Amino acid sequence: MQQHPAVHPGAEAGSASAPDVWWVVCLCAAWCKTCGDYRAAFASVAREWPGVRFEWVDIEDEADLVGDVDVETFPTVLIGDAQGARFLGPLLPQPGVLARLLSSLRDAPAGARALAGPEAQALLGSVRAARR
């Protein structure tokens, strides 16, 4: 399996696997032109969010990691915090859209942050375990 390093590993080396770190995972495919174009935008958002773990997952190269998650369109993004996945779905491939979504999730009071479904929880667990 091909190694896919973190786009941005967090504020400090080793801190990215801490349970309180937020994770942003982009699910894409190498053959997808939109994904290729979005990768630079994803990396630019990562640079603006120190302390957040950004990961790029190619759904074909890492099919075992993605499991049964049905990615219907690209890019699809997974966002989670210490309690679990908060969002799993497609986004417009624009850096501002991702930044606003992440900001709204992080700024919401902890008790008001809804968890995503079981599929998103399983995917976040798989990515965290594989990318520690």
N, C-alpha and C. Protein backbone atom coordinates (compact mmCIF):
# COMPACT_ATOMS: atom_id res chain seq x y z
N MET A 1 0.84 -1.18 0.00
CA MET A 1 0.00 0.00 0.00
C MET A 1 0.89 1.24 0.00
N GLN A 2 0.50 2.24 -0.74
CA GLN A 2 1.24 3.47 -0.87
C GLN A 2 1.05 4.33 0.38
N GLN A 3 2.12 4.96 0.85
CA GLN A 3 2.03 5.83 2.01
C GLN A 3 1.48 7.19 1.59
N HIS A 4 0.57 7.74 2.37
CA HIS A 4 -0.01 9.04 2.11
C HIS A 4 0.17 9.89 3.36
N PRO A 5 1.23 10.71 3.41
CA PRO A 5 1.48 11.51 4.60
C PRO A 5 0.38 12.54 4.81
N ALA A 6 0.28 13.00 6.04
CA ALA A 6 -0.69 14.03 6.37
C ALA A 6 -0.41 15.28 5.57
N VAL A 7 -1.46 15.96 5.17
CA VAL A 7 -1.30 17.24 4.49
C VAL A 7 -0.74 18.23 5.50
N HIS A 8 -1.21 18.17 6.72
CA HIS A 8 -0.76 19.04 7.80
C HIS A 8 -0.90 18.26 9.09
N PRO A 9 0.20 17.89 9.72
CA PRO A 9 0.12 16.99 10.86
C PRO A 9 -0.31 17.60 12.18
N GLY A 10 -0.67 18.82 12.25
CA GLY A 10 -1.08 19.40 13.52
C GLY A 10 -0.05 20.38 14.02
N ALA A 11 -0.29 20.91 15.19
CA ALA A 11 0.55 21.98 15.72
C ALA A 11 1.95 21.52 16.05
N GLU A 12 2.10 20.32 16.58
CA GLU A 12 3.41 19.83 16.97
C GLU A 12 3.53 18.37 16.58
N ALA A 13 4.75 17.94 16.33
CA ALA A 13 4.97 16.53 16.01
C ALA A 13 4.44 15.68 17.14
N GLY A 14 3.69 14.66 16.78
CA GLY A 14 3.14 13.76 17.78
C GLY A 14 1.80 14.20 18.34
N SER A 15 1.45 15.46 18.17
CA SER A 15 0.19 15.94 18.74
C SER A 15 -1.02 15.54 17.92
N ALA A 16 -0.81 15.19 16.66
CA ALA A 16 -1.93 14.92 15.77
C ALA A 16 -2.73 13.70 16.16
N SER A 17 -2.17 12.80 16.95
CA SER A 17 -2.93 11.63 17.35
C SER A 17 -3.61 11.83 18.70
N ALA A 18 -3.43 13.00 19.31
CA ALA A 18 -4.08 13.29 20.59
C ALA A 18 -5.59 13.27 20.39
N PRO A 19 -6.33 12.80 21.40
CA PRO A 19 -7.77 12.64 21.22
C PRO A 19 -8.54 13.94 21.05
N ASP A 20 -7.98 15.10 21.44
CA ASP A 20 -8.72 16.35 21.33
C ASP A 20 -8.49 17.07 20.01
N VAL A 21 -7.67 16.52 19.15
CA VAL A 21 -7.37 17.15 17.87
C VAL A 21 -8.52 16.91 16.89
N TRP A 22 -8.87 17.95 16.17
CA TRP A 22 -9.84 17.83 15.10
C TRP A 22 -9.18 17.21 13.89
N TRP A 23 -9.92 16.43 13.12
CA TRP A 23 -9.44 15.79 11.90
C TRP A 23 -10.31 16.25 10.74
N VAL A 24 -9.67 16.56 9.62
CA VAL A 24 -10.35 16.86 8.37
C VAL A 24 -9.76 15.92 7.33
N VAL A 25 -10.61 15.07 6.77
CA VAL A 25 -10.16 14.04 5.84
C VAL A 25 -10.86 14.26 4.50
N CYS A 26 -10.06 14.40 3.45
CA CYS A 26 -10.63 14.53 2.11
C CYS A 26 -10.57 13.18 1.43
N LEU A 27 -11.71 12.72 0.96
CA LEU A 27 -11.81 11.46 0.22
C LEU A 27 -11.87 11.80 -1.27
N CYS A 28 -10.86 11.36 -1.99
CA CYS A 28 -10.78 11.67 -3.42
C CYS A 28 -10.21 10.49 -4.18
N ALA A 29 -9.97 10.69 -5.46
CA ALA A 29 -9.37 9.66 -6.30
C ALA A 29 -8.36 10.31 -7.24
N ALA A 30 -7.28 9.60 -7.51
CA ALA A 30 -6.19 10.14 -8.33
C ALA A 30 -6.65 10.51 -9.73
N TRP A 31 -7.60 9.76 -10.28
CA TRP A 31 -8.05 10.00 -11.65
C TRP A 31 -8.97 11.21 -11.77
N CYS A 32 -9.45 11.72 -10.65
CA CYS A 32 -10.45 12.79 -10.64
C CYS A 32 -9.77 14.16 -10.80
N LYS A 33 -10.09 14.85 -11.89
CA LYS A 33 -9.52 16.18 -12.14
C LYS A 33 -9.91 17.17 -11.06
N THR A 34 -11.16 17.11 -10.60
CA THR A 34 -11.60 18.01 -9.54
C THR A 34 -10.76 17.81 -8.29
N CYS A 35 -10.48 16.55 -7.96
CA CYS A 35 -9.65 16.26 -6.79
C CYS A 35 -8.24 16.81 -6.97
N GLY A 36 -7.69 16.61 -8.15
CA GLY A 36 -6.35 17.14 -8.42
C GLY A 36 -6.30 18.64 -8.24
N ASP A 37 -7.32 19.32 -8.73
CA ASP A 37 -7.39 20.77 -8.59
C ASP A 37 -7.62 21.18 -7.13
N TYR A 38 -8.37 20.38 -6.39
CA TYR A 38 -8.74 20.71 -5.01
C TYR A 38 -7.60 20.48 -4.03
N ARG A 39 -6.66 19.63 -4.37
CA ARG A 39 -5.59 19.28 -3.42
C ARG A 39 -4.83 20.51 -2.93
N ALA A 40 -4.52 21.44 -3.80
CA ALA A 40 -3.80 22.66 -3.39
C ALA A 40 -4.68 23.52 -2.48
N ALA A 41 -5.97 23.60 -2.78
CA ALA A 41 -6.88 24.37 -1.94
C ALA A 41 -7.00 23.73 -0.55
N PHE A 42 -7.07 22.41 -0.51
CA PHE A 42 -7.14 21.68 0.75
C PHE A 42 -5.89 21.96 1.58
N ALA A 43 -4.73 21.93 0.93
CA ALA A 43 -3.47 22.21 1.63
C ALA A 43 -3.41 23.65 2.12
N SER A 44 -3.99 24.57 1.37
CA SER A 44 -3.98 25.97 1.82
C SER A 44 -4.84 26.15 3.07
N VAL A 45 -5.96 25.48 3.13
CA VAL A 45 -6.80 25.54 4.33
C VAL A 45 -6.04 24.91 5.51
N ALA A 46 -5.35 23.81 5.25
CA ALA A 46 -4.58 23.14 6.31
C ALA A 46 -3.55 24.08 6.92
N ARG A 47 -2.91 24.89 6.10
CA ARG A 47 -1.90 25.83 6.61
C ARG A 47 -2.53 26.89 7.51
N GLU A 48 -3.79 27.18 7.30
CA GLU A 48 -4.48 28.21 8.09
C GLU A 48 -5.07 27.67 9.39
N TRP A 49 -5.01 26.35 9.59
CA TRP A 49 -5.61 25.73 10.77
C TRP A 49 -4.57 24.91 11.53
N PRO A 50 -3.61 25.56 12.18
CA PRO A 50 -2.64 24.79 12.97
C PRO A 50 -3.37 24.06 14.10
N GLY A 51 -2.91 22.88 14.38
CA GLY A 51 -3.53 22.08 15.43
C GLY A 51 -4.64 21.18 14.93
N VAL A 52 -5.03 21.31 13.66
CA VAL A 52 -6.04 20.44 13.06
C VAL A 52 -5.30 19.47 12.15
N ARG A 53 -5.66 18.22 12.22
CA ARG A 53 -5.03 17.18 11.40
C ARG A 53 -5.76 17.08 10.08
N PHE A 54 -5.09 17.33 8.97
CA PHE A 54 -5.65 17.23 7.63
C PHE A 54 -5.06 16.01 6.94
N GLU A 55 -5.91 15.16 6.39
CA GLU A 55 -5.48 13.94 5.70
C GLU A 55 -6.14 13.86 4.34
N TRP A 56 -5.40 13.33 3.39
CA TRP A 56 -5.88 13.09 2.03
C TRP A 56 -5.95 11.58 1.85
N VAL A 57 -7.11 11.06 1.53
CA VAL A 57 -7.29 9.61 1.35
C VAL A 57 -7.79 9.35 -0.06
N ASP A 58 -7.00 8.59 -0.81
CA ASP A 58 -7.41 8.16 -2.15
C ASP A 58 -8.29 6.92 -1.96
N ILE A 59 -9.56 7.03 -2.34
CA ILE A 59 -10.51 5.95 -2.04
C ILE A 59 -10.21 4.66 -2.79
N GLU A 60 -9.42 4.74 -3.85
CA GLU A 60 -9.06 3.53 -4.59
C GLU A 60 -7.77 2.93 -4.06
N ASP A 61 -6.76 3.76 -3.82
CA ASP A 61 -5.49 3.27 -3.28
C ASP A 61 -5.64 2.75 -1.86
N GLU A 62 -6.61 3.30 -1.14
CA GLU A 62 -6.81 2.91 0.25
C GLU A 62 -8.24 2.42 0.48
N ALA A 63 -8.71 1.57 -0.42
CA ALA A 63 -10.08 1.06 -0.34
C ALA A 63 -10.34 0.33 0.97
N ASP A 64 -9.33 -0.35 1.51
CA ASP A 64 -9.51 -1.06 2.78
C ASP A 64 -9.75 -0.08 3.92
N LEU A 65 -9.19 1.09 3.84
CA LEU A 65 -9.38 2.12 4.87
C LEU A 65 -10.79 2.72 4.78
N VAL A 66 -11.26 2.93 3.56
CA VAL A 66 -12.56 3.56 3.32
C VAL A 66 -13.70 2.59 3.61
N GLY A 67 -13.47 1.31 3.39
CA GLY A 67 -14.49 0.30 3.68
C GLY A 67 -15.72 0.45 2.80
N ASP A 68 -16.89 0.40 3.41
CA ASP A 68 -18.15 0.42 2.68
C ASP A 68 -18.72 1.82 2.46
N VAL A 69 -17.95 2.85 2.79
CA VAL A 69 -18.45 4.22 2.60
C VAL A 69 -18.67 4.46 1.11
N ASP A 70 -19.85 4.92 0.77
CA ASP A 70 -20.21 5.17 -0.63
C ASP A 70 -19.93 6.64 -0.95
N VAL A 71 -18.84 6.89 -1.66
CA VAL A 71 -18.49 8.24 -2.07
C VAL A 71 -19.14 8.49 -3.42
N GLU A 72 -20.14 9.36 -3.44
CA GLU A 72 -20.91 9.61 -4.65
C GLU A 72 -20.33 10.72 -5.51
N THR A 73 -19.65 11.66 -4.88
CA THR A 73 -19.08 12.78 -5.63
C THR A 73 -17.82 13.28 -4.92
N PHE A 74 -16.99 13.95 -5.68
CA PHE A 74 -15.73 14.46 -5.14
C PHE A 74 -15.73 15.97 -5.13
N PRO A 75 -15.06 16.57 -4.18
CA PRO A 75 -14.49 15.94 -3.00
C PRO A 75 -15.55 15.67 -1.95
N THR A 76 -15.34 14.61 -1.21
CA THR A 76 -16.14 14.30 -0.04
C THR A 76 -15.24 14.48 1.17
N VAL A 77 -15.76 15.12 2.20
CA VAL A 77 -14.95 15.48 3.36
C VAL A 77 -15.56 14.89 4.63
N LEU A 78 -14.68 14.42 5.49
CA LEU A 78 -15.03 13.92 6.81
C LEU A 78 -14.38 14.84 7.84
N ILE A 79 -15.14 15.30 8.81
CA ILE A 79 -14.61 16.16 9.87
C ILE A 79 -15.02 15.57 11.20
N GLY A 80 -14.06 15.45 12.11
CA GLY A 80 -14.36 14.91 13.43
C GLY A 80 -13.53 15.54 14.52
N ASP A 81 -14.00 15.35 15.75
CA ASP A 81 -13.28 15.84 16.93
C ASP A 81 -13.11 14.67 17.90
N ALA A 82 -12.79 14.97 19.14
CA ALA A 82 -12.52 13.93 20.13
C ALA A 82 -13.73 13.02 20.37
N GLN A 83 -14.94 13.55 20.23
CA GLN A 83 -16.14 12.75 20.48
C GLN A 83 -16.57 11.93 19.27
N GLY A 84 -16.07 12.27 18.08
CA GLY A 84 -16.44 11.49 16.91
C GLY A 84 -16.61 12.34 15.67
N ALA A 85 -17.10 11.71 14.62
CA ALA A 85 -17.31 12.39 13.35
C ALA A 85 -18.48 13.36 13.46
N ARG A 86 -18.26 14.55 12.94
CA ARG A 86 -19.28 15.60 12.98
C ARG A 86 -19.90 15.86 11.61
N PHE A 87 -19.17 15.50 10.54
CA PHE A 87 -19.65 15.77 9.19
C PHE A 87 -19.03 14.76 8.24
N LEU A 88 -19.82 14.26 7.31
CA LEU A 88 -19.35 13.44 6.20
C LEU A 88 -20.23 13.75 5.01
N GLY A 89 -19.64 14.35 3.97
CA GLY A 89 -20.42 14.66 2.79
C GLY A 89 -19.61 15.41 1.76
N PRO A 90 -20.20 15.61 0.60
CA PRO A 90 -19.53 16.34 -0.47
C PRO A 90 -19.50 17.84 -0.16
N LEU A 91 -18.47 18.49 -0.67
CA LEU A 91 -18.34 19.94 -0.53
C LEU A 91 -18.01 20.54 -1.88
N LEU A 92 -18.37 21.78 -2.08
CA LEU A 92 -17.88 22.49 -3.24
C LEU A 92 -16.37 22.57 -3.13
N PRO A 93 -15.64 22.37 -4.21
CA PRO A 93 -14.18 22.34 -4.13
C PRO A 93 -13.57 23.74 -4.06
N GLN A 94 -13.93 24.45 -3.00
CA GLN A 94 -13.44 25.81 -2.79
C GLN A 94 -12.92 25.90 -1.35
N PRO A 95 -11.74 26.48 -1.16
CA PRO A 95 -11.18 26.53 0.19
C PRO A 95 -12.07 27.26 1.20
N GLY A 96 -12.76 28.30 0.77
CA GLY A 96 -13.63 29.04 1.68
C GLY A 96 -14.77 28.20 2.23
N VAL A 97 -15.29 27.30 1.42
CA VAL A 97 -16.39 26.44 1.86
C VAL A 97 -15.91 25.52 2.98
N LEU A 98 -14.75 24.90 2.79
CA LEU A 98 -14.20 24.02 3.82
C LEU A 98 -13.87 24.80 5.09
N ALA A 99 -13.25 25.96 4.95
CA ALA A 99 -12.88 26.77 6.12
C ALA A 99 -14.12 27.19 6.91
N ARG A 100 -15.18 27.60 6.21
CA ARG A 100 -16.41 28.01 6.91
C ARG A 100 -17.06 26.83 7.62
N LEU A 101 -17.08 25.67 6.98
CA LEU A 101 -17.68 24.49 7.62
C LEU A 101 -16.89 24.11 8.87
N LEU A 102 -15.58 24.04 8.75
CA LEU A 102 -14.75 23.70 9.90
C LEU A 102 -14.93 24.72 11.02
N SER A 103 -14.96 25.98 10.67
CA SER A 103 -15.15 27.03 11.67
C SER A 103 -16.49 26.90 12.37
N SER A 104 -17.54 26.64 11.61
CA SER A 104 -18.87 26.53 12.23
C SER A 104 -18.95 25.32 13.16
N LEU A 105 -18.31 24.23 12.78
CA LEU A 105 -18.32 23.04 13.64
C LEU A 105 -17.51 23.27 14.92
N ARG A 106 -16.34 23.85 14.78
CA ARG A 106 -15.48 24.08 15.95
C ARG A 106 -16.04 25.14 16.88
N ASP A 107 -16.71 26.16 16.32
CA ASP A 107 -17.22 27.27 17.13
C ASP A 107 -18.54 26.94 17.82
N ALA A 108 -19.20 25.89 17.40
CA ALA A 108 -20.48 25.51 18.02
C ALA A 108 -20.22 25.03 19.44
N PRO A 109 -21.11 25.34 20.37
CA PRO A 109 -20.94 24.80 21.72
C PRO A 109 -20.87 23.28 21.68
N ALA A 110 -20.01 22.71 22.50
CA ALA A 110 -19.77 21.26 22.48
C ALA A 110 -21.08 20.47 22.54
N GLY A 111 -22.03 20.88 23.35
CA GLY A 111 -23.29 20.17 23.48
C GLY A 111 -24.18 20.29 22.25
N ALA A 112 -23.91 21.27 21.39
CA ALA A 112 -24.73 21.48 20.21
C ALA A 112 -24.17 20.82 18.96
N ARG A 113 -23.01 20.20 19.09
CA ARG A 113 -22.38 19.55 17.94
C ARG A 113 -22.98 18.15 17.73
N ALA A 114 -23.75 18.01 16.69
CA ALA A 114 -24.37 16.71 16.39
C ALA A 114 -23.32 15.76 15.82
N LEU A 115 -23.45 14.50 16.18
CA LEU A 115 -22.58 13.48 15.61
C LEU A 115 -23.16 13.00 14.29
N ALA A 116 -22.27 12.68 13.35
CA ALA A 116 -22.67 12.10 12.08
C ALA A 116 -23.05 10.64 12.31
N GLY A 117 -23.53 9.98 11.29
CA GLY A 117 -24.00 8.61 11.39
C GLY A 117 -22.91 7.58 11.63
N PRO A 118 -23.31 6.32 11.81
CA PRO A 118 -22.37 5.25 12.12
C PRO A 118 -21.31 5.03 11.04
N GLU A 119 -21.66 5.24 9.79
CA GLU A 119 -20.70 5.09 8.70
C GLU A 119 -19.55 6.09 8.86
N ALA A 120 -19.88 7.32 9.20
CA ALA A 120 -18.87 8.36 9.41
C ALA A 120 -18.02 8.05 10.64
N GLN A 121 -18.65 7.53 11.70
CA GLN A 121 -17.90 7.18 12.91
C GLN A 121 -16.88 6.09 12.62
N ALA A 122 -17.30 5.07 11.87
CA ALA A 122 -16.40 3.97 11.54
C ALA A 122 -15.24 4.46 10.67
N LEU A 123 -15.54 5.31 9.71
CA LEU A 123 -14.50 5.84 8.83
C LEU A 123 -13.49 6.67 9.62
N LEU A 124 -13.97 7.53 10.50
CA LEU A 124 -13.05 8.34 11.31
C LEU A 124 -12.17 7.45 12.17
N GLY A 125 -12.74 6.42 12.76
CA GLY A 125 -11.95 5.48 13.56
C GLY A 125 -10.88 4.79 12.73
N SER A 126 -11.23 4.39 11.52
CA SER A 126 -10.27 3.72 10.63
C SER A 126 -9.14 4.65 10.24
N VAL A 127 -9.46 5.89 9.88
CA VAL A 127 -8.43 6.84 9.47
C VAL A 127 -7.52 7.16 10.66
N ARG A 128 -8.10 7.40 11.81
CA ARG A 128 -7.28 7.69 12.99
C ARG A 128 -6.32 6.54 13.29
N ALA A 129 -6.82 5.32 13.24
CA ALA A 129 -5.98 4.16 13.55
C ALA A 129 -4.87 3.98 12.52
N ALA A 130 -5.17 4.23 11.25
CA ALA A 130 -4.18 4.03 10.18
C ALA A 130 -3.16 5.15 10.12
N ARG A 131 -3.50 6.33 10.57
CA ARG A 131 -2.62 7.48 10.39
C ARG A 131 -1.99 8.00 11.67
N ARG A 132 -1.97 7.26 12.70
CA ARG A 132 -1.36 7.71 13.96
C ARG A 132 0.08 7.97 13.82
